[in-house]
């Protein structure tokens, strides 16, 4: 188990692999139970529950709209988990993990409007 200090260091080190420049702003989100979410996962928010899930283009619950990028890998197989997600920042496009039906081109404008930019 991580101590608070080493856990924070691990999170910061992992997030560096996503960052192209500058320091991103993060926000706490609640990840929907039932999955392991990888670092760089592009997240959408489910309208009814306000929980985050990997954004899938074919979803119709609100999560089809990309909102955030997960800062580190999170195991939510045992239940909902709070985690930090990037809400603004300049990221490395090849490090983003896209849900089915999304491409970098399809999410670029929407994330840019929210303050997330990326190369590629």
C-alpha atoms as a PDB file:
ATOM      1  CA  UNK A   1       0.000   0.000   0.000  1.00  0.00           C
ATOM      2  CA  UNK A   2       1.235   3.509  -0.760  1.00  0.00           C
ATOM      3  CA  UNK A   3       1.735   6.118   1.898  1.00  0.00           C
ATOM      4  CA  UNK A   4       0.130   9.466   1.174  1.00  0.00           C
ATOM      5  CA  UNK A   5       3.446  11.071   0.112  1.00  0.00           C
ATOM      6  CA  UNK A   6       4.613   8.268  -2.169  1.00  0.00           C
ATOM      7  CA  UNK A   7       1.138   7.865  -3.681  1.00  0.00           C
ATOM      8  CA  UNK A   8       1.110  11.560  -4.631  1.00  0.00           C
ATOM      9  CA  UNK A   9       4.584  11.174  -6.172  1.00  0.00           C
ATOM     10  CA  UNK A  10       3.443   8.136  -8.158  1.00  0.00           C
ATOM     11  CA  UNK A  11       0.433  10.037  -9.489  1.00  0.00           C
ATOM     12  CA  UNK A  12       2.572  12.992 -10.539  1.00  0.00           C
ATOM     13  CA  UNK A  13       5.152  10.788 -12.264  1.00  0.00           C
ATOM     14  CA  UNK A  14       2.453   8.941 -14.210  1.00  0.00           C
ATOM     15  CA  UNK A  15       0.746  12.142 -15.304  1.00  0.00           C
ATOM     16  CA  UNK A  16       4.008  13.452 -16.788  1.00  0.00           C
ATOM     17  CA  UNK A  17       3.714  10.865 -19.587  1.00  0.00           C
ATOM     18  CA  UNK A  18       0.561  12.695 -20.769  1.00  0.00           C
ATOM     19  CA  UNK A  19       1.810  16.276 -20.625  1.00  0.00           C
ATOM     20  CA  UNK A  20       3.233  18.008 -23.678  1.00  0.00           C
ATOM     21  CA  UNK A  21       3.822  21.371 -21.982  1.00  0.00           C
ATOM     22  CA  UNK A  22       2.853  23.380 -18.942  1.00  0.00           C
ATOM     23  CA  UNK A  23       0.998  22.191 -15.873  1.00  0.00           C
ATOM     24  CA  UNK A  24      -2.516  20.831 -16.304  1.00  0.00           C
ATOM     25  CA  UNK A  25      -5.421  21.679 -14.017  1.00  0.00           C
ATOM     26  CA  UNK A  26      -7.166  18.700 -12.512  1.00  0.00           C
ATOM     27  CA  UNK A  27     -10.576  18.007 -11.051  1.00  0.00           C
ATOM     28  CA  UNK A  28     -11.889  15.210  -8.839  1.00  0.00           C
ATOM     29  CA  UNK A  29     -14.349  12.906 -10.646  1.00  0.00           C
ATOM     30  CA  UNK A  30     -16.152   9.756  -9.575  1.00  0.00           C
ATOM     31  CA  UNK A  31     -15.422   6.849 -11.899  1.00  0.00           C
ATOM     32  CA  UNK A  32     -18.245   4.396 -12.546  1.00  0.00           C
ATOM     33  CA  UNK A  33     -17.660   0.978 -10.982  1.00  0.00           C
ATOM     34  CA  UNK A  34     -16.824  -2.073 -13.044  1.00  0.00           C
ATOM     35  CA  UNK A  35     -13.617  -1.302 -14.923  1.00  0.00           C
ATOM     36  CA  UNK A  36      -9.914  -0.577 -14.713  1.00  0.00           C
ATOM     37  CA  UNK A  37      -9.453   2.860 -16.248  1.00  0.00           C
ATOM     38  CA  UNK A  38      -6.038   3.428 -17.869  1.00  0.00           C
ATOM     39  CA  UNK A  39      -3.998   6.584 -17.565  1.00  0.00           C
ATOM     40  CA  UNK A  40      -4.958   8.890 -20.426  1.00  0.00           C
ATOM     41  CA  UNK A  41      -8.527   7.572 -20.755  1.00  0.00           C
ATOM     42  CA  UNK A  42     -10.799  10.179 -22.312  1.00  0.00           C
ATOM     43  CA  UNK A  43     -13.787  10.452 -19.999  1.00  0.00           C
ATOM     44  CA  UNK A  44     -17.365  11.563 -20.419  1.00  0.00           C
ATOM     45  CA  UNK A  45     -19.901  12.285 -17.686  1.00  0.00           C
ATOM     46  CA  UNK A  46     -23.132  10.312 -17.394  1.00  0.00           C
ATOM     47  CA  UNK A  47     -25.969  12.838 -17.105  1.00  0.00           C
ATOM     48  CA  UNK A  48     -28.138  10.921 -14.624  1.00  0.00           C
ATOM     49  CA  UNK A  49     -25.444   9.895 -12.110  1.00  0.00           C
ATOM     50  CA  UNK A  50     -22.751  12.536 -12.771  1.00  0.00           C
ATOM     51  CA  UNK A  51     -20.199   9.707 -12.775  1.00  0.00           C
ATOM     52  CA  UNK A  52     -17.346   9.512 -15.265  1.00  0.00           C
ATOM     53  CA  UNK A  53     -16.906   6.679 -17.733  1.00  0.00           C
ATOM     54  CA  UNK A  54     -14.735   6.112 -20.806  1.00  0.00           C
ATOM     55  CA  UNK A  55     -16.370   8.222 -23.508  1.00  0.00           C
ATOM     56  CA  UNK A  56     -17.885   6.047 -26.252  1.00  0.00           C
ATOM     57  CA  UNK A  57     -19.148   7.760 -29.405  1.00  0.00           C
ATOM     58  CA  UNK A  58     -22.300   5.589 -29.514  1.00  0.00           C
ATOM     59  CA  UNK A  59     -23.310   6.198 -25.885  1.00  0.00           C
ATOM     60  CA  UNK A  60     -26.527   8.156 -25.354  1.00  0.00           C
ATOM     61  CA  UNK A  61     -26.279   8.902 -21.633  1.00  0.00           C
ATOM     62  CA  UNK A  62     -24.158  12.065 -21.887  1.00  0.00           C
ATOM     63  CA  UNK A  63     -20.826  10.257 -21.618  1.00  0.00           C
ATOM     64  CA  UNK A  64     -20.465  10.308 -25.405  1.00  0.00           C
ATOM     65  CA  UNK A  65     -19.150  13.885 -25.040  1.00  0.00           C
ATOM     66  CA  UNK A  66     -15.469  13.881 -23.998  1.00  0.00           C
ATOM     67  CA  UNK A  67     -14.912  16.056 -20.918  1.00  0.00           C
ATOM     68  CA  UNK A  68     -11.709  15.038 -19.114  1.00  0.00           C
ATOM     69  CA  UNK A  69      -8.564  12.905 -19.357  1.00  0.00           C
ATOM     70  CA  UNK A  70      -7.724  10.534 -16.513  1.00  0.00           C
ATOM     71  CA  UNK A  71      -4.462  11.461 -14.758  1.00  0.00           C
ATOM     72  CA  UNK A  72      -3.430   7.946 -13.668  1.00  0.00           C
ATOM     73  CA  UNK A  73      -4.622   4.345 -13.885  1.00  0.00           C
ATOM     74  CA  UNK A  74      -7.507   3.535 -11.530  1.00  0.00           C
ATOM     75  CA  UNK A  75      -9.043   0.190 -10.581  1.00  0.00           C
ATOM     76  CA  UNK A  76     -12.789   0.670 -10.079  1.00  0.00           C
ATOM     77  CA  UNK A  77     -13.705  -3.010 -10.386  1.00  0.00           C
ATOM     78  CA  UNK A  78     -14.783  -3.104  -6.740  1.00  0.00           C
ATOM     79  CA  UNK A  79     -16.982   0.001  -6.778  1.00  0.00           C
ATOM     80  CA  UNK A  80     -17.098   3.670  -7.699  1.00  0.00           C
ATOM     81  CA  UNK A  81     -13.755   5.426  -7.134  1.00  0.00           C
ATOM     82  CA  UNK A  82     -12.852   9.099  -6.859  1.00  0.00           C
ATOM     83  CA  UNK A  83      -9.894  10.067  -9.047  1.00  0.00           C
ATOM     84  CA  UNK A  84      -8.206  13.119 -10.492  1.00  0.00           C
ATOM     85  CA  UNK A  85      -8.785  13.967 -14.127  1.00  0.00           C
ATOM     86  CA  UNK A  86      -7.244  16.666 -16.299  1.00  0.00           C
ATOM     87  CA  UNK A  87      -9.725  19.434 -17.132  1.00  0.00           C
ATOM     88  CA  UNK A  88      -7.290  21.818 -18.856  1.00  0.00           C
ATOM     89  CA  UNK A  89      -3.836  21.229 -20.275  1.00  0.00           C
ATOM     90  CA  UNK A  90      -1.632  20.611 -23.296  1.00  0.00           C
ATOM     91  CA  UNK A  91      -1.283  16.842 -23.729  1.00  0.00           C
ATOM     92  CA  UNK A  92       0.406  14.258 -25.965  1.00  0.00           C
ATOM     93  CA  UNK A  93      -2.259  12.935 -28.332  1.00  0.00           C
ATOM     94  CA  UNK A  94      -0.665   9.518 -28.799  1.00  0.00           C
ATOM     95  CA  UNK A  95      -0.989   8.899 -25.037  1.00  0.00           C
ATOM     96  CA  UNK A  96      -4.770   9.405 -24.970  1.00  0.00           C
ATOM     97  CA  UNK A  97      -6.898   6.286 -24.638  1.00  0.00           C
ATOM     98  CA  UNK A  98      -9.997   6.651 -26.785  1.00  0.00           C
ATOM     99  CA  UNK A  99     -13.283   4.823 -26.387  1.00  0.00           C
ATOM    100  CA  UNK A 100     -14.952   3.050 -29.321  1.00  0.00           C
ATOM    101  CA  UNK A 101     -15.956   5.331 -32.165  1.00  0.00           C
ATOM    102  CA  UNK A 102     -13.716   8.243 -31.164  1.00  0.00           C
ATOM    103  CA  UNK A 103     -10.599   9.424 -32.976  1.00  0.00           C
ATOM    104  CA  UNK A 104      -8.210  12.228 -32.134  1.00  0.00           C
ATOM    105  CA  UNK A 105      -9.830  14.232 -34.935  1.00  0.00           C
ATOM    106  CA  UNK A 106     -13.348  13.650 -33.607  1.00  0.00           C
ATOM    107  CA  UNK A 107     -12.558  14.795 -30.066  1.00  0.00           C
ATOM    108  CA  UNK A 108     -10.132  17.650 -30.840  1.00  0.00           C
ATOM    109  CA  UNK A 109     -12.579  20.583 -31.144  1.00  0.00           C
ATOM    110  CA  UNK A 110     -14.732  19.550 -28.194  1.00  0.00           C
ATOM    111  CA  UNK A 111     -11.799  19.116 -25.825  1.00  0.00           C
ATOM    112  CA  UNK A 112     -10.152  22.305 -27.089  1.00  0.00           C
ATOM    113  CA  UNK A 113     -13.337  24.208 -26.170  1.00  0.00           C
ATOM    114  CA  UNK A 114     -12.965  22.808 -22.646  1.00  0.00           C
ATOM    115  CA  UNK A 115      -9.274  23.761 -22.421  1.00  0.00           C
ATOM    116  CA  UNK A 116      -7.585  20.485 -23.340  1.00  0.00           C
ATOM    117  CA  UNK A 117      -5.286  20.577 -26.356  1.00  0.00           C
ATOM    118  CA  UNK A 118      -3.049  17.869 -27.778  1.00  0.00           C
ATOM    119  CA  UNK A 119      -0.654  17.209 -30.629  1.00  0.00           C
ATOM    120  CA  UNK A 120      -1.166  14.661 -33.393  1.00  0.00           C
END
